[in-house]
Amino acid sequence: MLQDMELLDETAVAAGIAGLRWDRDGDSLATTRVFAGFPAAIEFVDRVAELAERLGHHPDIAVAYNRVTLRSTTHDAGGLTAADLVLAAAVDALPDPGSPVPTSTSTSTSTSDSGG
């Protein structure tokens, strides 16, 4: 179970998500994954749920048919902590069920960051 409740500064967050399929969205990290169909999306959600239980840190999960959006923040701390970065990296390490369809990881409307 993750215990570190210290809020991260912008530099730590940027460094922590570099190379991950997550973006900063206010006080949260967010990622959207698109799968070949609903069963693959739900299989991914099941994997995330099992992982979150092991880590003791649970993202918000939204499912819209084959599209899954995850948001992670440490509510008790009021923002992003190391627990969010650990969860993001662990989710990215999960094998994708089926054949995911490439998609932007960002859930925000900002176009100032082209990724990378």
N, C-alpha and C. Protein backbone atom coordinates (compact mmCIF):
# COMPACT_ATOMS: atom_id res chain seq x y z
N MET A 1 0.85 -1.18 0.00
CA MET A 1 0.00 0.00 0.00
C MET A 1 0.89 1.24 0.00
N LEU A 2 0.51 2.23 -0.81
CA LEU A 2 1.29 3.46 -0.92
C LEU A 2 0.93 4.42 0.21
N GLN A 3 1.93 5.03 0.79
CA GLN A 3 1.69 5.90 1.94
C GLN A 3 2.13 7.35 1.75
N ASP A 4 3.05 7.64 0.80
CA ASP A 4 3.61 8.97 0.64
C ASP A 4 2.52 9.95 0.21
N MET A 5 2.23 10.93 1.08
CA MET A 5 1.15 11.88 0.81
C MET A 5 1.68 13.28 0.48
N GLU A 6 2.98 13.42 0.24
CA GLU A 6 3.55 14.72 -0.07
C GLU A 6 3.21 15.11 -1.50
N LEU A 7 2.66 16.33 -1.66
CA LEU A 7 2.33 16.81 -3.00
C LEU A 7 3.60 17.00 -3.82
N LEU A 8 3.51 16.65 -5.09
CA LEU A 8 4.65 16.80 -5.99
C LEU A 8 4.62 18.16 -6.66
N ASP A 9 5.81 18.72 -6.93
CA ASP A 9 5.86 19.97 -7.67
C ASP A 9 5.80 19.67 -9.17
N GLU A 10 5.69 20.72 -9.97
CA GLU A 10 5.53 20.57 -11.42
C GLU A 10 6.68 19.78 -12.05
N THR A 11 7.90 20.04 -11.59
CA THR A 11 9.07 19.36 -12.14
C THR A 11 9.00 17.87 -11.87
N ALA A 12 8.62 17.49 -10.67
CA ALA A 12 8.53 16.08 -10.32
C ALA A 12 7.43 15.38 -11.12
N VAL A 13 6.30 16.06 -11.32
CA VAL A 13 5.22 15.47 -12.09
C VAL A 13 5.65 15.29 -13.54
N ALA A 14 6.24 16.31 -14.13
CA ALA A 14 6.69 16.22 -15.52
C ALA A 14 7.71 15.11 -15.70
N ALA A 15 8.66 15.02 -14.78
CA ALA A 15 9.66 13.96 -14.86
C ALA A 15 9.02 12.59 -14.67
N GLY A 16 8.05 12.51 -13.78
CA GLY A 16 7.41 11.23 -13.47
C GLY A 16 6.56 10.67 -14.60
N ILE A 17 5.97 11.54 -15.42
CA ILE A 17 5.12 11.05 -16.51
C ILE A 17 5.86 11.03 -17.84
N ALA A 18 7.09 11.49 -17.86
CA ALA A 18 7.87 11.44 -19.11
C ALA A 18 7.96 10.00 -19.59
N GLY A 19 7.60 9.77 -20.81
CA GLY A 19 7.64 8.43 -21.37
C GLY A 19 6.42 7.58 -21.06
N LEU A 20 5.50 8.08 -20.26
CA LEU A 20 4.27 7.35 -19.94
C LEU A 20 3.15 7.80 -20.87
N ARG A 21 2.09 7.03 -20.89
CA ARG A 21 0.93 7.35 -21.72
C ARG A 21 -0.11 8.15 -20.92
N TRP A 22 0.37 9.00 -20.04
CA TRP A 22 -0.48 9.82 -19.18
C TRP A 22 -0.13 11.29 -19.40
N ASP A 23 -1.12 12.16 -19.15
CA ASP A 23 -0.94 13.60 -19.23
C ASP A 23 -1.39 14.23 -17.93
N ARG A 24 -0.85 15.38 -17.64
CA ARG A 24 -1.30 16.17 -16.51
C ARG A 24 -2.58 16.87 -16.90
N ASP A 25 -3.58 16.82 -16.06
CA ASP A 25 -4.84 17.51 -16.30
C ASP A 25 -5.27 18.12 -14.97
N GLY A 26 -4.83 19.32 -14.70
CA GLY A 26 -5.10 19.98 -13.43
C GLY A 26 -4.43 19.24 -12.30
N ASP A 27 -5.20 18.86 -11.29
CA ASP A 27 -4.67 18.13 -10.14
C ASP A 27 -4.73 16.62 -10.33
N SER A 28 -4.84 16.18 -11.57
CA SER A 28 -4.93 14.75 -11.87
C SER A 28 -3.96 14.37 -12.98
N LEU A 29 -3.71 13.08 -13.07
CA LEU A 29 -3.10 12.48 -14.24
C LEU A 29 -4.22 11.78 -14.98
N ALA A 30 -4.18 11.80 -16.30
CA ALA A 30 -5.24 11.17 -17.08
C ALA A 30 -4.68 10.46 -18.29
N THR A 31 -5.35 9.37 -18.66
CA THR A 31 -5.03 8.64 -19.87
C THR A 31 -6.32 8.08 -20.43
N THR A 32 -6.38 8.00 -21.75
CA THR A 32 -7.51 7.39 -22.42
C THR A 32 -6.97 6.31 -23.34
N ARG A 33 -7.56 5.13 -23.26
CA ARG A 33 -7.18 4.01 -24.10
C ARG A 33 -8.40 3.59 -24.90
N VAL A 34 -8.19 3.27 -26.17
CA VAL A 34 -9.27 2.82 -27.04
C VAL A 34 -8.94 1.41 -27.49
N PHE A 35 -9.92 0.51 -27.33
CA PHE A 35 -9.73 -0.90 -27.62
C PHE A 35 -10.61 -1.33 -28.79
N ALA A 36 -10.37 -2.53 -29.27
CA ALA A 36 -11.10 -3.05 -30.43
C ALA A 36 -12.59 -3.20 -30.16
N GLY A 37 -12.97 -3.38 -28.90
CA GLY A 37 -14.39 -3.54 -28.57
C GLY A 37 -14.62 -3.48 -27.07
N PHE A 38 -15.87 -3.59 -26.69
CA PHE A 38 -16.26 -3.51 -25.28
C PHE A 38 -15.61 -4.59 -24.42
N PRO A 39 -15.58 -5.85 -24.85
CA PRO A 39 -14.96 -6.87 -23.99
C PRO A 39 -13.49 -6.58 -23.67
N ALA A 40 -12.73 -6.10 -24.63
CA ALA A 40 -11.32 -5.77 -24.39
C ALA A 40 -11.21 -4.58 -23.43
N ALA A 41 -12.10 -3.62 -23.56
CA ALA A 41 -12.09 -2.46 -22.65
C ALA A 41 -12.35 -2.91 -21.22
N ILE A 42 -13.33 -3.79 -21.03
CA ILE A 42 -13.66 -4.27 -19.70
C ILE A 42 -12.54 -5.15 -19.14
N GLU A 43 -11.89 -5.93 -19.98
CA GLU A 43 -10.74 -6.72 -19.53
C GLU A 43 -9.64 -5.80 -19.01
N PHE A 44 -9.40 -4.69 -19.70
CA PHE A 44 -8.41 -3.72 -19.25
C PHE A 44 -8.83 -3.13 -17.90
N VAL A 45 -10.10 -2.77 -17.76
CA VAL A 45 -10.60 -2.22 -16.50
C VAL A 45 -10.40 -3.24 -15.38
N ASP A 46 -10.67 -4.50 -15.64
CA ASP A 46 -10.46 -5.54 -14.62
C ASP A 46 -8.99 -5.59 -14.18
N ARG A 47 -8.08 -5.50 -15.14
CA ARG A 47 -6.65 -5.51 -14.82
C ARG A 47 -6.26 -4.29 -13.98
N VAL A 48 -6.80 -3.14 -14.35
CA VAL A 48 -6.53 -1.92 -13.58
C VAL A 48 -7.08 -2.05 -12.17
N ALA A 49 -8.28 -2.61 -12.02
CA ALA A 49 -8.89 -2.77 -10.70
C ALA A 49 -8.04 -3.68 -9.81
N GLU A 50 -7.56 -4.78 -10.35
CA GLU A 50 -6.70 -5.68 -9.57
C GLU A 50 -5.41 -4.99 -9.16
N LEU A 51 -4.82 -4.27 -10.07
CA LEU A 51 -3.59 -3.53 -9.78
C LEU A 51 -3.83 -2.47 -8.71
N ALA A 52 -4.90 -1.72 -8.85
CA ALA A 52 -5.22 -0.67 -7.89
C ALA A 52 -5.43 -1.23 -6.49
N GLU A 53 -6.08 -2.38 -6.40
CA GLU A 53 -6.27 -3.02 -5.10
C GLU A 53 -4.93 -3.38 -4.47
N ARG A 54 -4.02 -3.94 -5.28
CA ARG A 54 -2.69 -4.29 -4.75
C ARG A 54 -1.92 -3.06 -4.28
N LEU A 55 -2.04 -1.95 -5.03
CA LEU A 55 -1.32 -0.74 -4.68
C LEU A 55 -2.01 0.08 -3.59
N GLY A 56 -3.30 -0.16 -3.40
CA GLY A 56 -4.04 0.64 -2.43
C GLY A 56 -4.26 2.06 -2.90
N HIS A 57 -4.30 2.24 -4.22
CA HIS A 57 -4.52 3.57 -4.81
C HIS A 57 -5.38 3.37 -6.04
N HIS A 58 -6.55 3.99 -6.06
CA HIS A 58 -7.58 3.67 -7.03
C HIS A 58 -7.89 4.86 -7.94
N PRO A 59 -7.76 4.67 -9.25
CA PRO A 59 -8.10 5.76 -10.17
C PRO A 59 -9.61 5.83 -10.39
N ASP A 60 -10.06 6.98 -10.85
CA ASP A 60 -11.42 7.08 -11.36
C ASP A 60 -11.41 6.44 -12.74
N ILE A 61 -12.43 5.66 -13.03
CA ILE A 61 -12.49 4.92 -14.29
C ILE A 61 -13.81 5.24 -14.98
N ALA A 62 -13.72 5.63 -16.26
CA ALA A 62 -14.91 5.86 -17.08
C ALA A 62 -14.82 4.99 -18.32
N VAL A 63 -15.91 4.29 -18.62
CA VAL A 63 -15.96 3.41 -19.78
C VAL A 63 -17.06 3.91 -20.71
N ALA A 64 -16.71 4.09 -21.97
CA ALA A 64 -17.68 4.42 -23.01
C ALA A 64 -17.44 3.46 -24.17
N TYR A 65 -18.13 2.35 -24.13
CA TYR A 65 -18.02 1.24 -25.07
C TYR A 65 -16.57 0.73 -25.15
N ASN A 66 -15.78 1.18 -26.11
CA ASN A 66 -14.41 0.67 -26.25
C ASN A 66 -13.36 1.66 -25.77
N ARG A 67 -13.78 2.73 -25.16
CA ARG A 67 -12.88 3.80 -24.70
C ARG A 67 -12.87 3.82 -23.17
N VAL A 68 -11.67 3.72 -22.60
CA VAL A 68 -11.51 3.75 -21.14
C VAL A 68 -10.65 4.95 -20.77
N THR A 69 -11.18 5.78 -19.88
CA THR A 69 -10.42 6.92 -19.38
C THR A 69 -10.14 6.71 -17.90
N LEU A 70 -8.88 6.84 -17.53
CA LEU A 70 -8.45 6.74 -16.14
C LEU A 70 -7.98 8.10 -15.66
N ARG A 71 -8.32 8.44 -14.43
CA ARG A 71 -7.83 9.66 -13.78
C ARG A 71 -7.30 9.29 -12.41
N SER A 72 -6.11 9.80 -12.11
CA SER A 72 -5.53 9.51 -10.81
C SER A 72 -5.15 10.81 -10.12
N THR A 73 -5.55 10.91 -8.87
CA THR A 73 -5.15 11.99 -8.00
C THR A 73 -5.19 11.45 -6.58
N THR A 74 -4.47 12.06 -5.69
CA THR A 74 -4.52 11.64 -4.29
C THR A 74 -5.45 12.61 -3.57
N HIS A 75 -6.72 12.22 -3.46
CA HIS A 75 -7.75 13.10 -2.91
C HIS A 75 -7.40 13.59 -1.51
N ASP A 76 -6.88 12.70 -0.66
CA ASP A 76 -6.56 13.08 0.71
C ASP A 76 -5.48 14.15 0.78
N ALA A 77 -4.59 14.19 -0.21
CA ALA A 77 -3.51 15.18 -0.23
C ALA A 77 -3.90 16.43 -1.02
N GLY A 78 -4.96 16.34 -1.80
CA GLY A 78 -5.41 17.49 -2.58
C GLY A 78 -4.63 17.69 -3.86
N GLY A 79 -4.09 16.62 -4.42
CA GLY A 79 -3.34 16.76 -5.68
C GLY A 79 -2.54 15.52 -5.98
N LEU A 80 -1.46 15.71 -6.71
CA LEU A 80 -0.64 14.59 -7.17
C LEU A 80 0.48 14.26 -6.20
N THR A 81 0.62 12.97 -5.93
CA THR A 81 1.69 12.47 -5.06
C THR A 81 2.41 11.34 -5.79
N ALA A 82 3.43 10.81 -5.15
CA ALA A 82 4.17 9.68 -5.73
C ALA A 82 3.24 8.50 -6.02
N ALA A 83 2.19 8.34 -5.24
CA ALA A 83 1.25 7.24 -5.45
C ALA A 83 0.62 7.31 -6.84
N ASP A 84 0.38 8.51 -7.33
CA ASP A 84 -0.21 8.66 -8.66
C ASP A 84 0.78 8.27 -9.75
N LEU A 85 2.04 8.63 -9.56
CA LEU A 85 3.07 8.25 -10.54
C LEU A 85 3.31 6.75 -10.54
N VAL A 86 3.31 6.14 -9.36
CA VAL A 86 3.48 4.69 -9.27
C VAL A 86 2.33 3.99 -9.98
N LEU A 87 1.11 4.44 -9.75
CA LEU A 87 -0.05 3.85 -10.40
C LEU A 87 0.03 4.01 -11.91
N ALA A 88 0.37 5.22 -12.37
CA ALA A 88 0.45 5.46 -13.82
C ALA A 88 1.47 4.54 -14.48
N ALA A 89 2.64 4.42 -13.88
CA ALA A 89 3.67 3.54 -14.45
C ALA A 89 3.23 2.09 -14.44
N ALA A 90 2.57 1.68 -13.37
CA ALA A 90 2.11 0.30 -13.27
C ALA A 90 1.02 0.00 -14.29
N VAL A 91 0.11 0.93 -14.51
CA VAL A 91 -0.93 0.74 -15.53
C VAL A 91 -0.28 0.63 -16.91
N ASP A 92 0.69 1.48 -17.18
CA ASP A 92 1.36 1.41 -18.48
C ASP A 92 2.09 0.09 -18.68
N ALA A 93 2.50 -0.55 -17.62
CA ALA A 93 3.20 -1.84 -17.72
C ALA A 93 2.25 -3.01 -17.93
N LEU A 94 0.94 -2.79 -17.74
CA LEU A 94 -0.03 -3.86 -17.96
C LEU A 94 -0.09 -4.21 -19.44
N PRO A 95 -0.22 -5.48 -19.77
CA PRO A 95 -0.41 -5.84 -21.18
C PRO A 95 -1.80 -5.40 -21.62
N ASP A 96 -1.88 -4.83 -22.81
CA ASP A 96 -3.17 -4.41 -23.33
C ASP A 96 -3.94 -5.63 -23.85
N PRO A 97 -5.19 -5.77 -23.45
CA PRO A 97 -6.00 -6.87 -23.98
C PRO A 97 -6.38 -6.59 -25.43
N GLY A 98 -6.49 -7.62 -26.20
CA GLY A 98 -6.90 -7.43 -27.59
C GLY A 98 -5.90 -6.57 -28.34
N SER A 99 -6.38 -5.83 -29.28
CA SER A 99 -5.55 -4.93 -30.06
C SER A 99 -6.02 -3.50 -29.84
N PRO A 100 -5.32 -2.76 -28.97
CA PRO A 100 -5.75 -1.39 -28.73
C PRO A 100 -5.59 -0.55 -29.99
N VAL A 101 -6.49 0.39 -30.17
CA VAL A 101 -6.43 1.31 -31.28
C VAL A 101 -5.64 2.52 -30.82
N PRO A 102 -4.61 2.96 -31.58
CA PRO A 102 -3.82 4.13 -31.14
C PRO A 102 -4.73 5.33 -30.95
N THR A 103 -4.46 6.08 -29.86
CA THR A 103 -5.24 7.27 -29.57
C THR A 103 -4.39 8.25 -28.78
N SER A 104 -4.79 9.47 -28.76
CA SER A 104 -4.12 10.46 -27.93
C SER A 104 -4.33 10.09 -26.48
N THR A 105 -3.31 10.34 -25.65
CA THR A 105 -3.44 10.04 -24.23
C THR A 105 -4.11 11.18 -23.49
N SER A 106 -4.17 12.33 -24.09
CA SER A 106 -4.68 13.50 -23.40
C SER A 106 -6.20 13.52 -23.39
N THR A 107 -6.76 13.89 -22.25
CA THR A 107 -8.20 14.04 -22.15
C THR A 107 -8.57 15.51 -22.07
N SER A 108 -7.58 16.37 -22.06
CA SER A 108 -7.86 17.81 -22.00
C SER A 108 -7.94 18.37 -23.41
N THR A 109 -8.42 19.59 -23.54
CA THR A 109 -8.56 20.21 -24.84
C THR A 109 -7.36 21.06 -25.19
N SER A 110 -6.37 21.11 -24.34
CA SER A 110 -5.19 21.91 -24.59
C SER A 110 -4.41 21.36 -25.77
N THR A 111 -3.95 22.26 -26.65
CA THR A 111 -3.14 21.86 -27.78
C THR A 111 -1.72 22.39 -27.65
N SER A 112 -1.38 22.93 -26.50
CA SER A 112 -0.06 23.52 -26.31
C SER A 112 1.02 22.46 -26.17
N ASP A 113 0.67 21.23 -25.81
CA ASP A 113 1.65 20.18 -25.62
C ASP A 113 1.42 19.13 -26.68
N SER A 114 2.40 18.93 -27.53
CA SER A 114 2.24 17.95 -28.60
C SER A 114 2.72 16.58 -28.18
N GLY A 115 2.97 16.40 -26.90
CA GLY A 115 3.42 15.10 -26.38
C GLY A 115 4.90 14.97 -26.46
N GLY A 116 5.40 13.74 -26.27
CA GLY A 116 6.84 13.53 -26.43
C GLY A 116 7.56 13.18 -25.22
